[in-house]
Amino acid sequence: MTKELHGILSASATPMDRAGEAIDEAAYAELLQAQVRGGVHGVIVGGSTGEHSTLSVAERDRKSTRLNSSHIT
């Protein structure tokens, strides 16, 4: 089944820890929830913000998992 995209789609940046070595998961969760509260309909993970190539596969997977648990459709 194909789902048509509509509404506001946000290309969100990935907050990193102070050392710049790992995703700040708590800050990322808050960022996603703030976007939901602000009316965003969907988030583009690893899209046009340019950081996708600098994240490991495991980090990309965690971002997707966090996004799925944030109830953004």
C-alpha atoms as a PDB file:
ATOM      1  CA  MET A   1       0.000   0.000   0.000  1.00  0.00           C
ATOM      2  CA  THR A   2       1.276   3.467  -0.869  1.00  0.00           C
ATOM      3  CA  LYS A   3       0.744   6.323   1.548  1.00  0.00           C
ATOM      4  CA  GLU A   4       0.545   9.831   0.124  1.00  0.00           C
ATOM      5  CA  LEU A   5       2.755  12.409   1.801  1.00  0.00           C
ATOM      6  CA  HIS A   6       0.995  15.519   3.043  1.00  0.00           C
ATOM      7  CA  GLY A   7       1.348  18.308   5.557  1.00  0.00           C
ATOM      8  CA  ILE A   8       4.524  19.566   7.172  1.00  0.00           C
ATOM      9  CA  LEU A   9       7.588  17.330   6.789  1.00  0.00           C
ATOM     10  CA  SER A  10      10.613  18.386   8.830  1.00  0.00           C
ATOM     11  CA  ALA A  11      14.222  17.468   8.034  1.00  0.00           C
ATOM     12  CA  SER A  12      15.448  17.379  11.607  1.00  0.00           C
ATOM     13  CA  ALA A  13      19.053  17.704  12.695  1.00  0.00           C
ATOM     14  CA  THR A  14      20.544  15.105  14.996  1.00  0.00           C
ATOM     15  CA  PRO A  15      21.636  16.457  18.394  1.00  0.00           C
ATOM     16  CA  MET A  16      24.978  14.998  19.438  1.00  0.00           C
ATOM     17  CA  ASP A  17      26.601  14.722  22.866  1.00  0.00           C
ATOM     18  CA  ARG A  18      29.152  17.337  23.964  1.00  0.00           C
ATOM     19  CA  ALA A  19      32.031  15.281  22.588  1.00  0.00           C
ATOM     20  CA  GLY A  20      30.274  14.994  19.231  1.00  0.00           C
ATOM     21  CA  GLU A  21      30.689  11.234  19.315  1.00  0.00           C
ATOM     22  CA  ALA A  22      27.181   9.911  19.939  1.00  0.00           C
ATOM     23  CA  ILE A  23      23.568  10.869  19.433  1.00  0.00           C
ATOM     24  CA  ASP A  24      22.092  12.669  22.439  1.00  0.00           C
ATOM     25  CA  GLU A  25      19.066  10.392  22.592  1.00  0.00           C
ATOM     26  CA  ALA A  26      17.202  12.411  25.228  1.00  0.00           C
ATOM     27  CA  ALA A  27      17.629  15.635  23.248  1.00  0.00           C
ATOM     28  CA  TYR A  28      16.554  13.858  20.051  1.00  0.00           C
ATOM     29  CA  ALA A  29      13.409  12.520  21.736  1.00  0.00           C
ATOM     30  CA  GLU A  30      12.572  16.020  22.996  1.00  0.00           C
ATOM     31  CA  LEU A  31      13.197  17.483  19.541  1.00  0.00           C
ATOM     32  CA  LEU A  32      10.785  14.983  17.989  1.00  0.00           C
ATOM     33  CA  GLN A  33       8.127  15.598  20.639  1.00  0.00           C
ATOM     34  CA  ALA A  34       8.461  19.367  20.199  1.00  0.00           C
ATOM     35  CA  GLN A  35       7.891  18.902  16.482  1.00  0.00           C
ATOM     36  CA  VAL A  36       4.778  16.811  17.149  1.00  0.00           C
ATOM     37  CA  ARG A  37       3.461  19.466  19.545  1.00  0.00           C
ATOM     38  CA  GLY A  38       4.199  22.094  16.889  1.00  0.00           C
ATOM     39  CA  GLY A  39       2.053  20.327  14.306  1.00  0.00           C
ATOM     40  CA  VAL A  40       4.661  18.540  12.176  1.00  0.00           C
ATOM     41  CA  HIS A  41       3.126  15.639  10.249  1.00  0.00           C
ATOM     42  CA  GLY A  42       6.332  13.761   9.481  1.00  0.00           C
ATOM     43  CA  VAL A  43      10.086  13.823   9.931  1.00  0.00           C
ATOM     44  CA  ILE A  44      12.705  13.084   7.296  1.00  0.00           C
ATOM     45  CA  VAL A  45      15.399  11.030   9.004  1.00  0.00           C
ATOM     46  CA  GLY A  46      18.875  11.471   7.546  1.00  0.00           C
ATOM     47  CA  GLY A  47      17.547  13.749   4.855  1.00  0.00           C
ATOM     48  CA  SER A  48      18.897  17.081   3.738  1.00  0.00           C
ATOM     49  CA  THR A  49      20.741  18.089   6.900  1.00  0.00           C
ATOM     50  CA  GLY A  50      23.927  16.377   5.692  1.00  0.00           C
ATOM     51  CA  GLU A  51      24.811  14.312   8.735  1.00  0.00           C
ATOM     52  CA  HIS A  52      23.549  10.949   7.443  1.00  0.00           C
ATOM     53  CA  SER A  53      26.928   9.952   6.036  1.00  0.00           C
ATOM     54  CA  THR A  54      28.677  10.664   9.351  1.00  0.00           C
ATOM     55  CA  LEU A  55      26.438   8.381  11.421  1.00  0.00           C
ATOM     56  CA  SER A  56      27.036   4.655  11.827  1.00  0.00           C
ATOM     57  CA  VAL A  57      24.410   2.173  10.673  1.00  0.00           C
ATOM     58  CA  ALA A  58      23.572   1.492  14.332  1.00  0.00           C
ATOM     59  CA  GLU A  59      23.036   5.223  14.966  1.00  0.00           C
ATOM     60  CA  ARG A  60      20.784   5.510  11.901  1.00  0.00           C
ATOM     61  CA  ASP A  61      18.774   2.538  13.175  1.00  0.00           C
ATOM     62  CA  ARG A  62      18.405   4.148  16.626  1.00  0.00           C
ATOM     63  CA  LYS A  63      17.172   7.382  15.034  1.00  0.00           C
ATOM     64  CA  SER A  64      14.521   5.465  13.099  1.00  0.00           C
ATOM     65  CA  THR A  65      13.505   3.491  16.181  1.00  0.00           C
ATOM     66  CA  ARG A  66      13.190   6.700  18.235  1.00  0.00           C
ATOM     67  CA  LEU A  67      11.167   8.305  15.460  1.00  0.00           C
ATOM     68  CA  ASN A  68       8.795   5.332  15.307  1.00  0.00           C
ATOM     69  CA  SER A  69       8.269   5.491  19.080  1.00  0.00           C
ATOM     70  CA  SER A  70       7.444   9.226  18.886  1.00  0.00           C
ATOM     71  CA  HIS A  71       4.138   8.618  17.097  1.00  0.00           C
ATOM     72  CA  ILE A  72       4.871  10.771  14.081  1.00  0.00           C
ATOM     73  CA  THR A  73       3.159   9.399  10.985  1.00  0.00           C
END
